[in-house]
C-alpha atoms as a PDB file:
ATOM      1  CA  MET A   1      75.488  54.477 121.886  1.00  0.00           C
ATOM      2  CA  ILE A   2      76.980  56.745 124.732  1.00  0.00           C
ATOM      3  CA  ALA A   3      78.898  54.126 126.321  1.00  0.00           C
ATOM      4  CA  TYR A   4      80.070  53.097 122.965  1.00  0.00           C
ATOM      5  CA  ALA A   5      81.604  56.580 121.982  1.00  0.00           C
ATOM      6  CA  LEU A   6      82.692  57.272 125.425  1.00  0.00           C
ATOM      7  CA  ARG A   7      84.906  53.412 124.738  1.00  0.00           C
ATOM      8  CA  ARG A   8      86.091  54.712 121.502  1.00  0.00           C
ATOM      9  CA  LEU A   9      87.161  58.073 123.369  1.00  0.00           C
ATOM     10  CA  LEU A  10      89.150  56.354 125.750  1.00  0.00           C
ATOM     11  CA  GLY A  11      90.464  53.993 123.372  1.00  0.00           C
ATOM     12  CA  ALA A  12      91.950  56.675 121.455  1.00  0.00           C
ATOM     13  CA  VAL A  13      94.216  58.056 124.249  1.00  0.00           C
ATOM     14  CA  PRO A  14      96.887  55.006 123.619  1.00  0.00           C
ATOM     15  CA  THR A  15      96.627  55.994 119.953  1.00  0.00           C
ATOM     16  CA  LEU A  16      97.339  59.633 120.430  1.00  0.00           C
ATOM     17  CA  PHE A  17     100.025  58.613 122.668  1.00  0.00           C
ATOM     18  CA  VAL A  18     101.654  56.571 119.859  1.00  0.00           C
ATOM     19  CA  ILE A  19     101.095  59.095 117.619  1.00  0.00           C
ATOM     20  CA  VAL A  20     102.547  61.968 119.723  1.00  0.00           C
ATOM     21  CA  THR A  21     105.850  59.766 120.488  1.00  0.00           C
ATOM     22  CA  ALA A  22     106.552  58.996 116.974  1.00  0.00           C
ATOM     23  CA  ALA A  23     105.941  62.815 115.781  1.00  0.00           C
ATOM     24  CA  PHE A  24     108.174  64.012 118.534  1.00  0.00           C
ATOM     25  CA  PHE A  25     111.242  61.781 117.752  1.00  0.00           C
ATOM     26  CA  LEU A  26     110.757  62.104 114.163  1.00  0.00           C
ATOM     27  CA  MET A  27     111.109  65.656 114.300  1.00  0.00           C
ATOM     28  CA  ARG A  28     113.998  65.498 116.659  1.00  0.00           C
ATOM     29  CA  ILE A  29     116.279  63.494 114.360  1.00  0.00           C
ATOM     30  CA  ALA A  30     115.354  65.100 110.936  1.00  0.00           C
ATOM     31  CA  PRO A  31     118.062  67.079 109.942  1.00  0.00           C
ATOM     32  CA  GLY A  32     118.783  70.688 110.885  1.00  0.00           C
ATOM     33  CA  GLY A  33     117.263  72.677 114.121  1.00  0.00           C
ATOM     34  CA  PRO A  34     115.032  75.659 114.718  1.00  0.00           C
ATOM     35  CA  PHE A  35     118.016  78.407 115.145  1.00  0.00           C
ATOM     36  CA  ASP A  36     120.008  77.051 112.142  1.00  0.00           C
ATOM     37  CA  ARG A  37     119.505  79.916 110.196  1.00  0.00           C
ATOM     38  CA  GLU A  38     120.554  82.344 113.611  1.00  0.00           C
ATOM     39  CA  ARG A  39     124.289  80.607 113.559  1.00  0.00           C
ATOM     40  CA  THR A  40     125.414  84.298 112.929  1.00  0.00           C
ATOM     41  CA  LEU A  41     124.693  85.045 116.382  1.00  0.00           C
ATOM     42  CA  GLU A  42     127.070  84.695 119.269  1.00  0.00           C
ATOM     43  CA  ALA A  43     127.926  81.478 121.049  1.00  0.00           C
ATOM     44  CA  ALA A  44     126.338  82.756 124.121  1.00  0.00           C
ATOM     45  CA  VAL A  45     123.063  83.966 122.459  1.00  0.00           C
ATOM     46  CA  MET A  46     122.653  80.596 120.571  1.00  0.00           C
ATOM     47  CA  GLU A  47     123.388  79.225 124.054  1.00  0.00           C
ATOM     48  CA  ASN A  48     120.765  81.338 125.894  1.00  0.00           C
ATOM     49  CA  LEU A  49     118.126  80.161 123.066  1.00  0.00           C
ATOM     50  CA  ASN A  50     118.757  76.457 123.505  1.00  0.00           C
ATOM     51  CA  ARG A  51     118.814  77.040 127.300  1.00  0.00           C
ATOM     52  CA  THR A  52     115.554  78.837 127.085  1.00  0.00           C
ATOM     53  CA  PHE A  53     113.471  76.123 125.035  1.00  0.00           C
ATOM     54  CA  LEU A  54     114.983  73.417 126.520  1.00  0.00           C
ATOM     55  CA  LEU A  55     117.086  72.343 123.757  1.00  0.00           C
ATOM     56  CA  ASP A  56     120.181  71.735 126.105  1.00  0.00           C
ATOM     57  CA  ARG A  57     118.724  68.902 127.876  1.00  0.00           C
ATOM     58  CA  PRO A  58     118.740  65.302 126.970  1.00  0.00           C
ATOM     59  CA  LEU A  59     116.203  64.489 124.300  1.00  0.00           C
ATOM     60  CA  TRP A  60     113.929  62.155 127.174  1.00  0.00           C
ATOM     61  CA  GLU A  61     114.209  64.841 129.523  1.00  0.00           C
ATOM     62  CA  GLN A  62     112.491  67.151 126.471  1.00  0.00           C
ATOM     63  CA  TYR A  63     109.951  64.300 125.899  1.00  0.00           C
ATOM     64  CA  LEU A  64     109.119  64.248 129.810  1.00  0.00           C
ATOM     65  CA  HIS A  65     108.665  67.922 129.334  1.00  0.00           C
ATOM     66  CA  TYR A  66     106.582  68.125 126.523  1.00  0.00           C
ATOM     67  CA  LEU A  67     104.370  65.681 127.751  1.00  0.00           C
ATOM     68  CA  GLY A  68     103.980  67.049 131.071  1.00  0.00           C
ATOM     69  CA  ASN A  69     103.034  70.393 129.534  1.00  0.00           C
ATOM     70  CA  LEU A  70     100.665  68.427 126.983  1.00  0.00           C
ATOM     71  CA  ALA A  71      98.672  66.879 129.998  1.00  0.00           C
ATOM     72  CA  ARG A  72      98.027  70.111 130.927  1.00  0.00           C
ATOM     73  CA  GLY A  73      96.652  71.310 127.554  1.00  0.00           C
ATOM     74  CA  ASP A  74      99.943  73.394 126.972  1.00  0.00           C
ATOM     75  CA  LEU A  75     101.318  73.043 123.101  1.00  0.00           C
ATOM     76  CA  GLY A  76     104.312  74.944 124.185  1.00  0.00           C
ATOM     77  CA  PRO A  77     105.547  78.334 122.452  1.00  0.00           C
ATOM     78  CA  SER A  78     106.352  78.477 118.720  1.00  0.00           C
ATOM     79  CA  PHE A  79     110.275  78.538 118.041  1.00  0.00           C
ATOM     80  CA  VAL A  80     109.839  80.705 114.990  1.00  0.00           C
ATOM     81  CA  TYR A  81     107.208  82.737 115.717  1.00  0.00           C
ATOM     82  CA  ARG A  82     108.121  83.579 119.353  1.00  0.00           C
ATOM     83  CA  ASP A  83     105.767  86.252 119.758  1.00  0.00           C
ATOM     84  CA  PHE A  84     102.843  83.632 119.811  1.00  0.00           C
ATOM     85  CA  SER A  85     102.059  80.287 121.221  1.00  0.00           C
ATOM     86  CA  VAL A  86     100.956  76.952 119.400  1.00  0.00           C
ATOM     87  CA  GLN A  87      97.666  77.647 120.804  1.00  0.00           C
ATOM     88  CA  GLU A  88      97.317  81.077 119.335  1.00  0.00           C
ATOM     89  CA  LEU A  89      98.604  79.975 115.967  1.00  0.00           C
ATOM     90  CA  LEU A  90      96.282  77.007 115.423  1.00  0.00           C
ATOM     91  CA  GLY A  91      93.562  78.582 117.019  1.00  0.00           C
ATOM     92  CA  ALA A  92      93.445  81.429 114.462  1.00  0.00           C
ATOM     93  CA  GLY A  93      94.239  78.599 111.692  1.00  0.00           C
ATOM     94  CA  LEU A  94      91.745  75.985 112.613  1.00  0.00           C
ATOM     95  CA  SER A  95      88.821  78.430 111.730  1.00  0.00           C
ATOM     96  CA  VAL A  96      89.964  78.583 108.485  1.00  0.00           C
ATOM     97  CA  SER A  97      90.767  74.981 107.932  1.00  0.00           C
ATOM     98  CA  MET A  98      87.574  73.851 109.042  1.00  0.00           C
ATOM     99  CA  THR A  99      85.602  76.179 106.880  1.00  0.00           C
ATOM    100  CA  LEU A 100      87.285  74.807 104.050  1.00  0.00           C
ATOM    101  CA  GLY A 101      87.379  70.946 105.247  1.00  0.00           C
ATOM    102  CA  LEU A 102      83.754  71.242 106.219  1.00  0.00           C
ATOM    103  CA  SER A 103      82.506  73.146 103.010  1.00  0.00           C
ATOM    104  CA  ALA A 104      84.504  70.702 100.587  1.00  0.00           C
ATOM    105  CA  LEU A 105      83.174  67.947 102.578  1.00  0.00           C
ATOM    106  CA  ALA A 106      79.435  68.966 102.307  1.00  0.00           C
ATOM    107  CA  LEU A 107      80.081  69.715  98.684  1.00  0.00           C
ATOM    108  CA  ALA A 108      81.717  66.111  98.057  1.00  0.00           C
ATOM    109  CA  ALA A 109      78.540  64.555  99.920  1.00  0.00           C
ATOM    110  CA  VAL A 110      75.770  66.519  98.251  1.00  0.00           C
ATOM    111  CA  LEU A 111      77.491  66.327  94.682  1.00  0.00           C
ATOM    112  CA  GLY A 112      79.066  63.136  94.861  1.00  0.00           C
ATOM    113  CA  GLY A 113      75.643  61.399  96.049  1.00  0.00           C
ATOM    114  CA  ALA A 114      73.819  62.813  93.381  1.00  0.00           C
ATOM    115  CA  LEU A 115      76.013  61.948  90.472  1.00  0.00           C
ATOM    116  CA  GLY A 116      76.095  58.600  91.946  1.00  0.00           C
ATOM    117  CA  SER A 117      72.420  57.981  91.926  1.00  0.00           C
ATOM    118  CA  ILE A 118      71.947  59.548  88.594  1.00  0.00           C
ATOM    119  CA  ALA A 119      74.526  57.400  87.342  1.00  0.00           C
ATOM    120  CA  ALA A 120      72.875  54.301  88.423  1.00  0.00           C
ATOM    121  CA  LEU A 121      69.188  55.183  87.621  1.00  0.00           C
ATOM    122  CA  TYR A 122      70.721  55.863  84.026  1.00  0.00           C
ATOM    123  CA  ARG A 123      72.725  52.877  84.172  1.00  0.00           C
ATOM    124  CA  GLY A 124      74.691  51.932  80.745  1.00  0.00           C
ATOM    125  CA  SER A 125      73.557  55.517  79.208  1.00  0.00           C
ATOM    126  CA  TRP A 126      75.844  58.122  77.911  1.00  0.00           C
ATOM    127  CA  LEU A 127      75.119  59.859  81.409  1.00  0.00           C
ATOM    128  CA  ASP A 128      76.482  56.751  83.466  1.00  0.00           C
ATOM    129  CA  THR A 129      79.450  57.001  80.988  1.00  0.00           C
ATOM    130  CA  ALA A 130      80.242  60.583  81.576  1.00  0.00           C
ATOM    131  CA  VAL A 131      79.910  60.354  85.040  1.00  0.00           C
ATOM    132  CA  ILE A 132      82.095  57.253  85.531  1.00  0.00           C
ATOM    133  CA  ALA A 133      84.991  58.997  83.181  1.00  0.00           C
ATOM    134  CA  THR A 134      84.553  62.258  85.182  1.00  0.00           C
ATOM    135  CA  ALA A 135      84.993  60.355  88.317  1.00  0.00           C
ATOM    136  CA  THR A 136      88.151  58.557  87.150  1.00  0.00           C
ATOM    137  CA  LEU A 137      89.410  61.821  86.063  1.00  0.00           C
ATOM    138  CA  GLY A 138      88.983  63.159  89.502  1.00  0.00           C
ATOM    139  CA  LEU A 139      90.581  60.179  91.287  1.00  0.00           C
ATOM    140  CA  THR A 140      93.997  60.293  88.832  1.00  0.00           C
ATOM    141  CA  VAL A 141      94.672  64.101  88.923  1.00  0.00           C
ATOM    142  CA  PRO A 142      96.022  65.138  92.163  1.00  0.00           C
ATOM    143  CA  ASN A 143      95.303  68.405  93.813  1.00  0.00           C
ATOM    144  CA  PHE A 144      98.640  70.061  93.593  1.00  0.00           C
ATOM    145  CA  VAL A 145      98.099  69.834  89.827  1.00  0.00           C
ATOM    146  CA  VAL A 146      94.453  71.304  90.076  1.00  0.00           C
ATOM    147  CA  ALA A 147      94.764  73.985  92.507  1.00  0.00           C
ATOM    148  CA  PRO A 148      97.307  76.062  89.988  1.00  0.00           C
ATOM    149  CA  LEU A 149      95.070  75.056  86.957  1.00  0.00           C
ATOM    150  CA  LEU A 150      92.202  76.661  88.585  1.00  0.00           C
ATOM    151  CA  SER A 151      94.233  79.560  89.839  1.00  0.00           C
ATOM    152  CA  LEU A 152      95.414  80.024  86.592  1.00  0.00           C
ATOM    153  CA  ILE A 153      92.379  79.549  84.421  1.00  0.00           C
ATOM    154  CA  PHE A 154      89.826  81.513  87.017  1.00  0.00           C
ATOM    155  CA  GLY A 155      92.008  83.973  88.906  1.00  0.00           C
ATOM    156  CA  VAL A 156      94.486  85.033  86.434  1.00  0.00           C
ATOM    157  CA  TRP A 157      92.960  84.573  82.936  1.00  0.00           C
ATOM    158  CA  LEU A 158      89.574  84.834  83.628  1.00  0.00           C
ATOM    159  CA  GLY A 159      89.781  87.291  86.603  1.00  0.00           C
ATOM    160  CA  TRP A 160      86.301  85.911  88.012  1.00  0.00           C
ATOM    161  CA  LEU A 161      87.911  84.519  91.354  1.00  0.00           C
ATOM    162  CA  PRO A 162      90.829  85.601  93.761  1.00  0.00           C
ATOM    163  CA  ALA A 163      93.557  83.541  92.890  1.00  0.00           C
ATOM    164  CA  GLY A 164      95.108  83.484  96.367  1.00  0.00           C
ATOM    165  CA  GLY A 165      95.046  85.129  99.918  1.00  0.00           C
ATOM    166  CA  TRP A 166      92.170  84.929 102.154  1.00  0.00           C
ATOM    167  CA  ASP A 167      89.898  88.085 103.740  1.00  0.00           C
ATOM    168  CA  GLY A 168      87.335  85.409 105.319  1.00  0.00           C
ATOM    169  CA  GLY A 169      84.927  86.156 102.488  1.00  0.00           C
ATOM    170  CA  MET A 170      83.375  83.431 100.218  1.00  0.00           C
ATOM    171  CA  ALA A 171      85.309  84.419  96.921  1.00  0.00           C
ATOM    172  CA  PRO A 172      88.609  83.045  98.038  1.00  0.00           C
ATOM    173  CA  ALA A 173      87.361  80.264  99.265  1.00  0.00           C
ATOM    174  CA  VAL A 174      85.694  79.051  96.425  1.00  0.00           C
ATOM    175  CA  LEU A 175      89.053  77.631  94.399  1.00  0.00           C
ATOM    176  CA  PRO A 176      90.290  75.793  97.199  1.00  0.00           C
ATOM    177  CA  VAL A 177      86.972  74.498  98.240  1.00  0.00           C
ATOM    178  CA  ILE A 178      86.657  72.957  94.628  1.00  0.00           C
ATOM    179  CA  THR A 179      90.093  71.536  94.645  1.00  0.00           C
ATOM    180  CA  LEU A 180      89.481  69.676  97.885  1.00  0.00           C
ATOM    181  CA  ALA A 181      86.348  68.401  96.819  1.00  0.00           C
ATOM    182  CA  LEU A 182      86.947  66.829  93.656  1.00  0.00           C
ATOM    183  CA  PRO A 183      88.712  63.830  94.535  1.00  0.00           C
ATOM    184  CA  GLN A 184      86.161  63.078  97.192  1.00  0.00           C
ATOM    185  CA  ILE A 185      83.051  63.982  94.850  1.00  0.00           C
ATOM    186  CA  ALA A 186      84.592  61.020  92.517  1.00  0.00           C
ATOM    187  CA  VAL A 187      85.027  58.458  95.584  1.00  0.00           C
ATOM    188  CA  ILE A 188      81.552  59.083  96.677  1.00  0.00           C
ATOM    189  CA  ALA A 189      80.113  59.152  93.464  1.00  0.00           C
ATOM    190  CA  ARG A 190      81.528  55.716  92.484  1.00  0.00           C
ATOM    191  CA  LEU A 191      80.471  54.271  95.536  1.00  0.00           C
ATOM    192  CA  MET A 192      76.996  55.584  95.595  1.00  0.00           C
ATOM    193  CA  ARG A 193      76.463  54.421  92.061  1.00  0.00           C
ATOM    194  CA  ALA A 194      77.518  50.543  92.955  1.00  0.00           C
ATOM    195  CA  ALA A 195      75.490  50.775  96.021  1.00  0.00           C
ATOM    196  CA  MET A 196      72.522  52.287  94.425  1.00  0.00           C
ATOM    197  CA  ILE A 197      72.574  49.862  91.628  1.00  0.00           C
ATOM    198  CA  GLU A 198      72.905  46.620  94.363  1.00  0.00           C
ATOM    199  CA  THR A 199      69.909  48.270  96.055  1.00  0.00           C
ATOM    200  CA  LEU A 200      67.589  48.799  93.245  1.00  0.00           C
ATOM    201  CA  GLY A 201      67.659  45.340  93.025  1.00  0.00           C
ATOM    202  CA  ALA A 202      67.264  44.173  96.331  1.00  0.00           C
ATOM    203  CA  ASP A 203      63.905  42.851  97.645  1.00  0.00           C
ATOM    204  CA  HIS A 204      62.222  45.609  99.581  1.00  0.00           C
ATOM    205  CA  ILE A 205      62.703  47.850  96.597  1.00  0.00           C
ATOM    206  CA  ARG A 206      60.873  45.708  94.582  1.00  0.00           C
ATOM    207  CA  THR A 207      58.283  44.773  97.128  1.00  0.00           C
ATOM    208  CA  ALA A 208      57.715  48.533  97.557  1.00  0.00           C
ATOM    209  CA  ARG A 209      57.043  48.932  93.652  1.00  0.00           C
ATOM    210  CA  ALA A 210      54.589  45.914  93.933  1.00  0.00           C
ATOM    211  CA  TYR A 211      52.659  47.973  96.389  1.00  0.00           C
ATOM    212  CA  GLY A 212      52.177  50.599  93.851  1.00  0.00           C
ATOM    213  CA  LEU A 213      54.605  53.386  95.366  1.00  0.00           C
ATOM    214  CA  SER A 214      56.052  55.962  92.689  1.00  0.00           C
ATOM    215  CA  GLY A 215      59.606  55.632  91.503  1.00  0.00           C
ATOM    216  CA  PRO A 216      60.678  58.709  93.123  1.00  0.00           C
ATOM    217  CA  ARG A 217      58.954  57.809  95.901  1.00  0.00           C
ATOM    218  CA  VAL A 218      60.825  54.556  96.396  1.00  0.00           C
ATOM    219  CA  ILE A 219      64.111  56.133  95.448  1.00  0.00           C
ATOM    220  CA  MET A 220      64.065  59.055  97.865  1.00  0.00           C
ATOM    221  CA  GLY A 221      62.075  57.200 101.053  1.00  0.00           C
ATOM    222  CA  HIS A 222      63.703  53.785 100.573  1.00  0.00           C
ATOM    223  CA  ALA A 223      66.789  53.090  98.051  1.00  0.00           C
ATOM    224  CA  LEU A 224      68.610  56.136  98.760  1.00  0.00           C
ATOM    225  CA  ALA A 225      69.018  55.749 102.490  1.00  0.00           C
ATOM    226  CA  SER A 226      70.097  52.138 102.159  1.00  0.00           C
ATOM    227  CA  ALA A 227      72.610  53.135  99.252  1.00  0.00           C
ATOM    228  CA  SER A 228      73.837  55.953 101.327  1.00  0.00           C
ATOM    229  CA  LEU A 229      75.699  53.769 103.915  1.00  0.00           C
ATOM    230  CA  PRO A 230      78.569  52.852 101.674  1.00  0.00           C
ATOM    231  CA  ALA A 231      79.612  56.764 101.067  1.00  0.00           C
ATOM    232  CA  VAL A 232      78.435  57.706 104.688  1.00  0.00           C
ATOM    233  CA  SER A 233      81.240  54.884 106.032  1.00  0.00           C
ATOM    234  CA  TYR A 234      83.901  56.590 103.578  1.00  0.00           C
ATOM    235  CA  LEU A 235      83.223  60.198 105.146  1.00  0.00           C
ATOM    236  CA  GLY A 236      85.630  59.334 108.094  1.00  0.00           C
ATOM    237  CA  PRO A 237      88.407  58.606 105.414  1.00  0.00           C
ATOM    238  CA  ALA A 238      87.392  61.660 103.326  1.00  0.00           C
ATOM    239  CA  ALA A 239      87.611  63.890 106.220  1.00  0.00           C
ATOM    240  CA  ALA A 240      91.196  62.721 106.840  1.00  0.00           C
ATOM    241  CA  ALA A 241      91.803  63.638 103.070  1.00  0.00           C
ATOM    242  CA  LEU A 242      90.935  66.869 103.125  1.00  0.00           C
ATOM    243  CA  LEU A 243      92.805  67.829 106.623  1.00  0.00           C
ATOM    244  CA  THR A 244      96.016  66.181 104.980  1.00  0.00           C
ATOM    245  CA  GLY A 245      95.232  67.556 101.617  1.00  0.00           C
ATOM    246  CA  SER A 246      94.634  71.168 102.671  1.00  0.00           C
ATOM    247  CA  ILE A 247      98.273  71.364 103.846  1.00  0.00           C
ATOM    248  CA  VAL A 248      99.078  71.417  99.974  1.00  0.00           C
ATOM    249  CA  VAL A 249      95.915  73.651  98.944  1.00  0.00           C
ATOM    250  CA  GLU A 250      96.532  76.394 101.604  1.00  0.00           C
ATOM    251  CA  THR A 251      99.966  76.566 100.622  1.00  0.00           C
ATOM    252  CA  ILE A 252      99.376  76.999  96.922  1.00  0.00           C
ATOM    253  CA  PHE A 253      96.505  79.687  97.741  1.00  0.00           C
ATOM    254  CA  ALA A 254      98.279  81.238 100.200  1.00  0.00           C
ATOM    255  CA  ILE A 255      95.660  80.560 102.990  1.00  0.00           C
ATOM    256  CA  PRO A 256      96.803  80.979 106.642  1.00  0.00           C
ATOM    257  CA  GLY A 257      95.262  77.676 108.019  1.00  0.00           C
ATOM    258  CA  ILE A 258      96.654  74.703 110.116  1.00  0.00           C
ATOM    259  CA  GLY A 259      98.315  72.868 106.735  1.00  0.00           C
ATOM    260  CA  ARG A 260     100.265  75.904 105.803  1.00  0.00           C
ATOM    261  CA  TYR A 261     101.504  76.426 109.351  1.00  0.00           C
ATOM    262  CA  PHE A 262     102.548  72.772 109.388  1.00  0.00           C
ATOM    263  CA  VAL A 263     104.779  73.504 106.159  1.00  0.00           C
ATOM    264  CA  GLN A 264     106.247  76.305 107.461  1.00  0.00           C
ATOM    265  CA  GLY A 265     106.994  74.854 110.875  1.00  0.00           C
ATOM    266  CA  ALA A 266     108.565  71.410 109.056  1.00  0.00           C
ATOM    267  CA  LEU A 267     110.603  73.740 106.731  1.00  0.00           C
ATOM    268  CA  ASN A 268     111.892  75.812 109.840  1.00  0.00           C
ATOM    269  CA  ARG A 269     112.225  72.733 112.059  1.00  0.00           C
ATOM    270  CA  ASP A 270     109.602  74.701 114.454  1.00  0.00           C
ATOM    271  CA  TYR A 271     108.908  71.353 116.488  1.00  0.00           C
ATOM    272  CA  THR A 272     106.207  72.680 118.757  1.00  0.00           C
ATOM    273  CA  LEU A 273     104.344  73.974 115.976  1.00  0.00           C
ATOM    274  CA  VAL A 274     104.423  70.784 114.201  1.00  0.00           C
ATOM    275  CA  MET A 275     103.896  68.598 117.286  1.00  0.00           C
ATOM    276  CA  GLY A 276     100.891  71.004 117.718  1.00  0.00           C
ATOM    277  CA  THR A 277      99.622  70.545 114.111  1.00  0.00           C
ATOM    278  CA  VAL A 278     100.075  66.864 114.269  1.00  0.00           C
ATOM    279  CA  ILE A 279      97.870  66.213 117.079  1.00  0.00           C
ATOM    280  CA  VAL A 280      95.015  68.453 116.164  1.00  0.00           C
ATOM    281  CA  VAL A 281      94.955  66.785 113.250  1.00  0.00           C
ATOM    282  CA  ALA A 282      94.745  62.998 114.958  1.00  0.00           C
ATOM    283  CA  VAL A 283      92.149  64.280 117.298  1.00  0.00           C
ATOM    284  CA  PHE A 284      89.821  65.515 114.531  1.00  0.00           C
ATOM    285  CA  VAL A 285      90.302  62.245 112.362  1.00  0.00           C
ATOM    286  CA  ILE A 286      89.251  60.362 115.687  1.00  0.00           C
ATOM    287  CA  LEU A 287      86.677  62.683 116.077  1.00  0.00           C
ATOM    288  CA  PHE A 288      85.259  62.221 112.893  1.00  0.00           C
ATOM    289  CA  ASN A 289      85.470  58.599 112.309  1.00  0.00           C
ATOM    290  CA  LEU A 290      83.172  58.461 115.585  1.00  0.00           C
ATOM    291  CA  ALA A 291      80.657  60.416 114.330  1.00  0.00           C
ATOM    292  CA  VAL A 292      80.707  58.560 111.315  1.00  0.00           C
ATOM    293  CA  ASP A 293      79.970  55.394 112.962  1.00  0.00           C
ATOM    294  CA  LEU A 294      77.437  56.762 115.229  1.00  0.00           C
ATOM    295  CA  LEU A 295      75.678  58.337 112.022  1.00  0.00           C
ATOM    296  CA  TYR A 296      76.167  54.991 110.497  1.00  0.00           C
ATOM    297  CA  ALA A 297      74.305  53.400 113.557  1.00  0.00           C
ATOM    298  CA  LEU A 298      71.292  56.260 112.875  1.00  0.00           C
ATOM    299  CA  LEU A 299      70.908  55.409 109.400  1.00  0.00           C
ATOM    300  CA  ASP A 300      70.869  51.271 109.413  1.00  0.00           C
ATOM    301  CA  PRO A 301      68.867  50.055 112.486  1.00  0.00           C
ATOM    302  CA  ARG A 302      70.702  46.626 112.019  1.00  0.00           C
ATOM    303  CA  VAL A 303      73.876  48.117 113.600  1.00  0.00           C
ATOM    304  CA  ARG A 304      74.181  48.159 117.317  1.00  0.00           C
ATOM    305  CA  TYR A 305      76.927  49.195 119.476  1.00  0.00           C
ATOM    306  CA  ASP A 306      75.353  48.841 123.087  1.00  0.00           C
END
């Protein structure tokens, strides 16, 4: 398994190279520039700014210079937040985004798995119908609608939770985590329900029941592990969805995570900040997918990578 993980990591290098290249040139060909808001400055000052950030050089030379810095682990200075490097900005925002993302992923896995299992055990009942209807609603309503509604209801009208902001405590994280988790809860619940229904009719489950094992022991000891495999496979895409979804959620709730920095960087044409965010998100998506593959092998003894 270690050899497989190393091969996957080496195979991710060309993928990252393509992502970096595409993001670099797409940002450069977009209209506007990082200093467009400072056109009132004298021409000599603008020329010095462009020279300082190498924007006066040919595009291919800027690209090679960026790749050279990236190979040394240097994401460069921010064009807008000039007192900070991109590493400093993303380092501060990454802990916030990871806290929100991992909390939402854990909530989605536990609650989605529980709801899907309950719906499968009571298939055809009103409880099953309620879970399916709720999951369908959770999939159809986007987070940029859910986030303002939750903020308005629980933050403004009821005053139970902060409507926005971040102080590192638990209260400001509740609404963003729920917003991020709701669509993933719906998907995992549907996957878990379908897999549990299929698993409960499998031969090894009937054999376990024939040996006299109790219902809870059959479900917890045998059915749950097999039925969770499709949901585990989805955790990689779910992690990617949470990272990209946090861009909207962090902006709405005014949370200083990497998603908010990405939005501000894109609006301000802060090339290096956007590039750094894209690279960080890509790396985490690759690592999450690798972790899911390894976890899948641990849950299913039939899967062998070596």
